Amino acid sequence: MINNVSNIEKAFLSLPLVAEAFATKEIKKLNADFVNAQKSKFNKSITLAKLVAKAHAWFTSAECKELMDTEGIDWTVEDFYKKTYGFGKSYGNRLKQVGNLSDEQIAAYVEEVEKVEAEKGEPQGRDLKELLKFTKTGAMNSEGEGEGEGEGEGEGETEGDGGTWISISVKGRGGEKGYALRVMMNGELKGDASRLGELMEALSVFSPGSQHLEFEGLDEEEDEDY
């Protein structure tokens, strides 16, 4: 995308030698292909999200609960996503939340993306996480928020949380299920607080400067399973 190009500059860029050397035709085409691919992927993700939201609504209905009881099925939301679609809980919840957005909210996000593209003169990603953040804050790419922050079932981060400050994921050992803890910027602890003492005890064996302590970021598919 080229802005504020004078007639002299346009004439210069249109010279065959310049156009060939700068590969303007090829680069413009590739850039357009990239943008169109992003748009196509985003639109398909929205379609997917609406289907998941509709399915989740029926899963939580009395009709489905009665049918599952009759069939001897006892599923959590995590089971529903994993066993039906192969989705992790975080991803499934993200799709559900996007699917419950109005067409007006989605259109407002797309309009803002296109506005930023016009201002910056470069393609911008169209992302479901950013869409959800935009519907809460009305702003694009809010600074100070960690990557990969999906929304949990019934406990999505509110605008006042200010994002994640510290996140720790502990893998299970010996068949025990792992767990994750988060400390929000407002001081709130998210996760199973009963595991905090256990975690502190495990960390206490490491002295300052130890090279054997490793922190892992929360996995995208598991960061909201608490």
Protein backbone atom coordinates (compact mmCIF):
# COMPACT_ATOMS: atom_id res chain seq x y z
CA MET A 1 0.00 0.00 0.00
CA ILE A 2 1.57 3.32 -1.10
CA ASN A 3 0.39 6.64 0.34
CA ASN A 4 1.14 10.26 -0.59
CA VAL A 5 2.90 9.43 -3.86
CA SER A 6 3.47 12.45 -6.07
CA ASN A 7 2.99 12.40 -9.83
CA ILE A 8 6.76 12.51 -10.30
CA GLU A 9 7.17 9.53 -8.00
CA LYS A 10 4.39 7.64 -9.77
CA ALA A 11 6.10 8.25 -13.10
CA PHE A 12 9.39 7.02 -11.66
CA LEU A 13 7.83 3.85 -10.26
CA SER A 14 6.09 3.14 -13.54
CA LEU A 15 9.36 3.05 -15.50
CA PRO A 16 9.88 -0.57 -16.72
CA LEU A 17 13.42 -0.70 -15.34
CA VAL A 18 12.32 0.53 -11.90
CA ALA A 19 9.23 -1.69 -11.79
CA GLU A 20 11.35 -4.72 -12.63
CA ALA A 21 14.12 -3.87 -10.17
CA PHE A 22 11.67 -3.16 -7.33
CA ALA A 23 9.47 -6.15 -8.27
CA THR A 24 6.46 -3.96 -7.54
CA LYS A 25 3.93 -6.09 -9.41
CA GLU A 26 5.05 -9.36 -7.78
CA ILE A 27 5.29 -7.90 -4.29
CA LYS A 28 1.88 -6.23 -4.51
CA LYS A 29 0.33 -9.50 -5.66
CA LEU A 30 1.97 -11.52 -2.89
CA ASN A 31 0.91 -8.93 -0.32
CA ALA A 32 -2.67 -9.04 -1.60
CA ASP A 33 -2.60 -12.85 -1.52
CA PHE A 34 -1.38 -12.74 2.08
CA VAL A 35 -4.14 -10.37 3.16
CA ASN A 36 -6.80 -12.40 1.34
CA ALA A 37 -5.55 -15.61 2.97
CA GLN A 38 -5.83 -13.97 6.40
CA LYS A 39 -9.34 -12.80 5.63
CA SER A 40 -10.36 -16.26 4.41
CA LYS A 41 -8.92 -17.98 7.48
CA PHE A 42 -10.60 -15.48 9.80
CA ASN A 43 -13.99 -15.86 8.10
CA LYS A 44 -13.76 -19.65 8.34
CA SER A 45 -12.82 -19.34 12.02
CA ILE A 46 -15.92 -17.22 12.62
CA THR A 47 -18.09 -19.85 10.91
CA LEU A 48 -16.46 -22.54 13.04
CA ALA A 49 -16.98 -20.47 16.19
CA LYS A 50 -20.70 -20.01 15.53
CA LEU A 51 -21.14 -23.76 15.06
CA VAL A 52 -19.25 -24.51 18.28
CA ALA A 53 -21.28 -21.93 20.21
CA LYS A 54 -24.51 -23.48 18.96
CA ALA A 55 -23.29 -26.97 19.87
CA HIS A 56 -22.17 -25.82 23.32
CA ALA A 57 -25.58 -24.27 23.96
CA TRP A 58 -27.28 -27.58 23.24
CA PHE A 59 -24.68 -29.50 25.28
CA THR A 60 -25.66 -27.43 28.33
CA SER A 61 -29.38 -27.77 27.66
CA ALA A 62 -31.72 -29.88 29.75
CA GLU A 63 -32.51 -32.00 26.68
CA CYS A 64 -28.88 -32.97 26.21
CA LYS A 65 -28.34 -33.59 29.92
CA GLU A 66 -31.34 -35.91 29.99
CA LEU A 67 -30.13 -37.79 26.92
CA MET A 68 -26.61 -38.18 28.31
CA ASP A 69 -28.02 -39.49 31.59
CA THR A 70 -30.06 -42.03 29.65
CA GLU A 71 -26.99 -43.12 27.68
CA GLY A 72 -24.76 -43.23 30.76
CA ILE A 73 -22.58 -40.33 29.58
CA ASP A 74 -21.03 -38.00 32.15
CA TRP A 75 -19.02 -35.29 30.41
CA THR A 76 -17.46 -32.11 31.65
CA VAL A 77 -17.11 -29.18 29.25
CA GLU A 78 -13.52 -30.27 28.70
CA ASP A 79 -14.74 -33.78 27.75
CA PHE A 80 -17.26 -32.27 25.35
CA TYR A 81 -14.62 -30.31 23.45
CA LYS A 82 -11.97 -33.02 23.50
CA LYS A 83 -14.07 -36.09 22.75
CA THR A 84 -16.35 -34.45 20.21
CA TYR A 85 -13.91 -32.26 18.27
CA GLY A 86 -10.43 -32.96 19.61
CA PHE A 87 -10.19 -29.36 20.93
CA GLY A 88 -8.49 -28.29 24.13
CA LYS A 89 -10.74 -26.57 26.66
CA SER A 90 -9.16 -23.14 26.18
CA TYR A 91 -9.54 -23.25 22.40
CA GLY A 92 -13.08 -24.60 22.62
CA ASN A 93 -14.11 -21.86 25.03
CA ARG A 94 -12.51 -19.22 22.83
CA LEU A 95 -14.52 -20.45 19.83
CA LYS A 96 -17.69 -20.52 21.92
CA GLN A 97 -17.20 -16.94 23.08
CA VAL A 98 -16.47 -15.70 19.58
CA GLY A 99 -19.51 -17.56 18.27
CA ASN A 100 -21.69 -15.76 20.80
CA LEU A 101 -20.58 -12.33 19.60
CA SER A 102 -22.97 -10.32 17.47
CA ASP A 103 -22.33 -9.66 13.80
CA GLU A 104 -22.02 -5.96 14.70
CA GLN A 105 -19.19 -6.67 17.18
CA ILE A 106 -17.30 -8.74 14.63
CA ALA A 107 -17.82 -6.12 11.92
CA ALA A 108 -16.50 -3.40 14.24
CA TYR A 109 -13.31 -5.40 14.82
CA VAL A 110 -12.78 -6.00 11.09
CA GLU A 111 -13.34 -2.31 10.40
CA GLU A 112 -10.72 -1.41 12.99
CA VAL A 113 -8.22 -3.88 11.53
CA GLU A 114 -8.69 -2.39 8.07
CA LYS A 115 -8.30 1.08 9.54
CA VAL A 116 -4.96 0.13 11.12
CA GLU A 117 -3.87 -1.46 7.84
CA ALA A 118 -4.58 1.80 6.02
CA GLU A 119 -2.73 3.85 8.64
CA LYS A 120 0.33 1.63 8.91
CA GLY A 121 0.46 0.54 5.29
CA GLU A 122 1.00 -3.11 6.17
CA PRO A 123 -1.17 -6.22 6.65
CA GLN A 124 -2.56 -6.81 10.13
CA GLY A 125 -3.47 -10.17 11.59
CA ARG A 126 -7.08 -11.12 12.10
CA ASP A 127 -7.06 -13.13 15.31
CA LEU A 128 -9.82 -14.54 17.52
CA LYS A 129 -7.99 -13.63 20.72
CA GLU A 130 -7.57 -10.06 19.55
CA LEU A 131 -11.23 -10.00 18.54
CA LEU A 132 -12.28 -10.93 22.07
CA LYS A 133 -9.94 -8.34 23.58
CA PHE A 134 -11.27 -5.71 21.20
CA THR A 135 -14.88 -6.38 22.21
CA LYS A 136 -13.87 -5.78 25.84
CA THR A 137 -11.54 -2.79 25.48
CA GLY A 138 -12.46 -1.25 22.15
CA ALA A 139 -8.74 -1.06 21.33
CA MET A 140 -6.38 -3.06 19.17
CA ASN A 141 -3.31 -4.93 20.47
CA SER A 142 -3.41 -3.64 24.04
CA GLU A 143 0.09 -3.36 25.46
CA GLY A 144 1.10 -5.13 28.64
CA GLU A 145 -0.97 -8.25 28.06
CA GLY A 146 0.68 -11.63 27.75
CA GLU A 147 0.40 -13.79 24.66
CA GLY A 148 -1.91 -16.74 24.48
CA GLU A 149 -4.40 -15.59 27.07
CA GLY A 150 -7.54 -17.54 26.23
CA GLU A 151 -10.77 -17.34 28.15
CA GLY A 152 -11.79 -19.93 30.68
CA GLU A 153 -15.20 -21.43 31.18
CA GLY A 154 -17.24 -18.95 33.17
CA GLU A 155 -14.20 -17.05 34.45
CA GLY A 156 -12.78 -14.99 31.61
CA GLU A 157 -10.48 -12.14 32.58
CA THR A 158 -12.34 -8.92 33.18
CA GLU A 159 -11.16 -5.58 31.95
CA GLY A 160 -10.08 -4.68 35.48
CA ASP A 161 -7.70 -7.62 35.75
CA GLY A 162 -5.07 -5.77 33.76
CA GLY A 163 -3.73 -9.01 32.29
CA THR A 164 -1.47 -11.71 33.62
CA TRP A 165 1.59 -10.82 35.72
CA ILE A 166 2.95 -14.30 36.56
CA SER A 167 1.89 -17.66 35.13
CA ILE A 168 3.23 -21.07 36.11
CA SER A 169 2.30 -24.44 34.65
CA VAL A 170 3.20 -27.60 36.58
CA LYS A 171 3.19 -30.91 34.74
CA GLY A 172 1.75 -33.90 36.53
CA ARG A 173 3.99 -36.77 37.56
CA GLY A 174 3.23 -40.38 38.32
CA GLY A 175 -0.18 -40.24 36.70
CA GLU A 176 -1.20 -37.15 38.65
CA LYS A 177 -2.84 -34.35 36.66
CA GLY A 178 -0.84 -31.14 36.34
CA TYR A 179 -2.09 -27.72 37.33
CA ALA A 180 -1.57 -24.05 36.53
CA LEU A 181 -1.52 -20.89 38.62
CA ARG A 182 -1.77 -17.28 37.52
CA VAL A 183 -1.22 -14.04 39.39
CA MET A 184 -3.08 -11.18 37.72
CA MET A 185 -1.83 -7.59 37.59
CA ASN A 186 -4.47 -6.66 40.17
CA GLY A 187 -3.08 -9.24 42.63
CA GLU A 188 -5.81 -11.85 42.11
CA LEU A 189 -4.72 -15.49 42.12
CA LYS A 190 -6.34 -17.71 39.50
CA GLY A 191 -6.12 -21.45 39.71
CA ASP A 192 -6.27 -23.99 42.53
CA ALA A 193 -5.09 -21.96 45.53
CA SER A 194 -4.72 -25.16 47.58
CA ARG A 195 -1.72 -26.07 45.41
CA LEU A 196 0.13 -22.83 46.20
CA GLY A 197 1.77 -24.23 49.35
CA GLU A 198 2.90 -27.31 47.45
CA LEU A 199 4.39 -25.14 44.73
CA MET A 200 6.20 -22.87 47.19
CA GLU A 201 7.66 -25.90 48.96
CA ALA A 202 8.91 -27.27 45.64
CA LEU A 203 10.53 -23.95 44.75
CA SER A 204 12.12 -23.49 48.17
CA VAL A 205 14.80 -26.10 47.44
CA PHE A 206 16.36 -23.85 44.82
CA SER A 207 18.89 -21.28 45.94
CA PRO A 208 19.38 -17.91 44.16
CA GLY A 209 21.40 -18.34 41.01
CA SER A 210 20.43 -21.97 40.50
CA GLN A 211 20.56 -22.98 36.84
CA HIS A 212 18.22 -25.93 37.24
CA LEU A 213 14.94 -24.13 37.77
CA GLU A 214 12.83 -23.75 34.64
CA PHE A 215 9.53 -21.91 34.29
CA GLU A 216 7.22 -22.87 31.46
CA GLY A 217 4.57 -20.63 29.96
CA LEU A 218 1.04 -21.88 30.07
CA ASP A 219 0.20 -24.10 27.15
CA GLU A 220 -2.35 -22.56 24.80
CA GLU A 221 -4.64 -25.55 25.02
CA GLU A 222 -4.40 -26.02 28.79
CA ASP A 223 -4.07 -22.56 30.30
CA GLU A 224 -7.74 -22.31 31.27
CA ASP A 225 -8.34 -25.81 32.61
CA TYR A 226 -8.67 -24.54 36.16
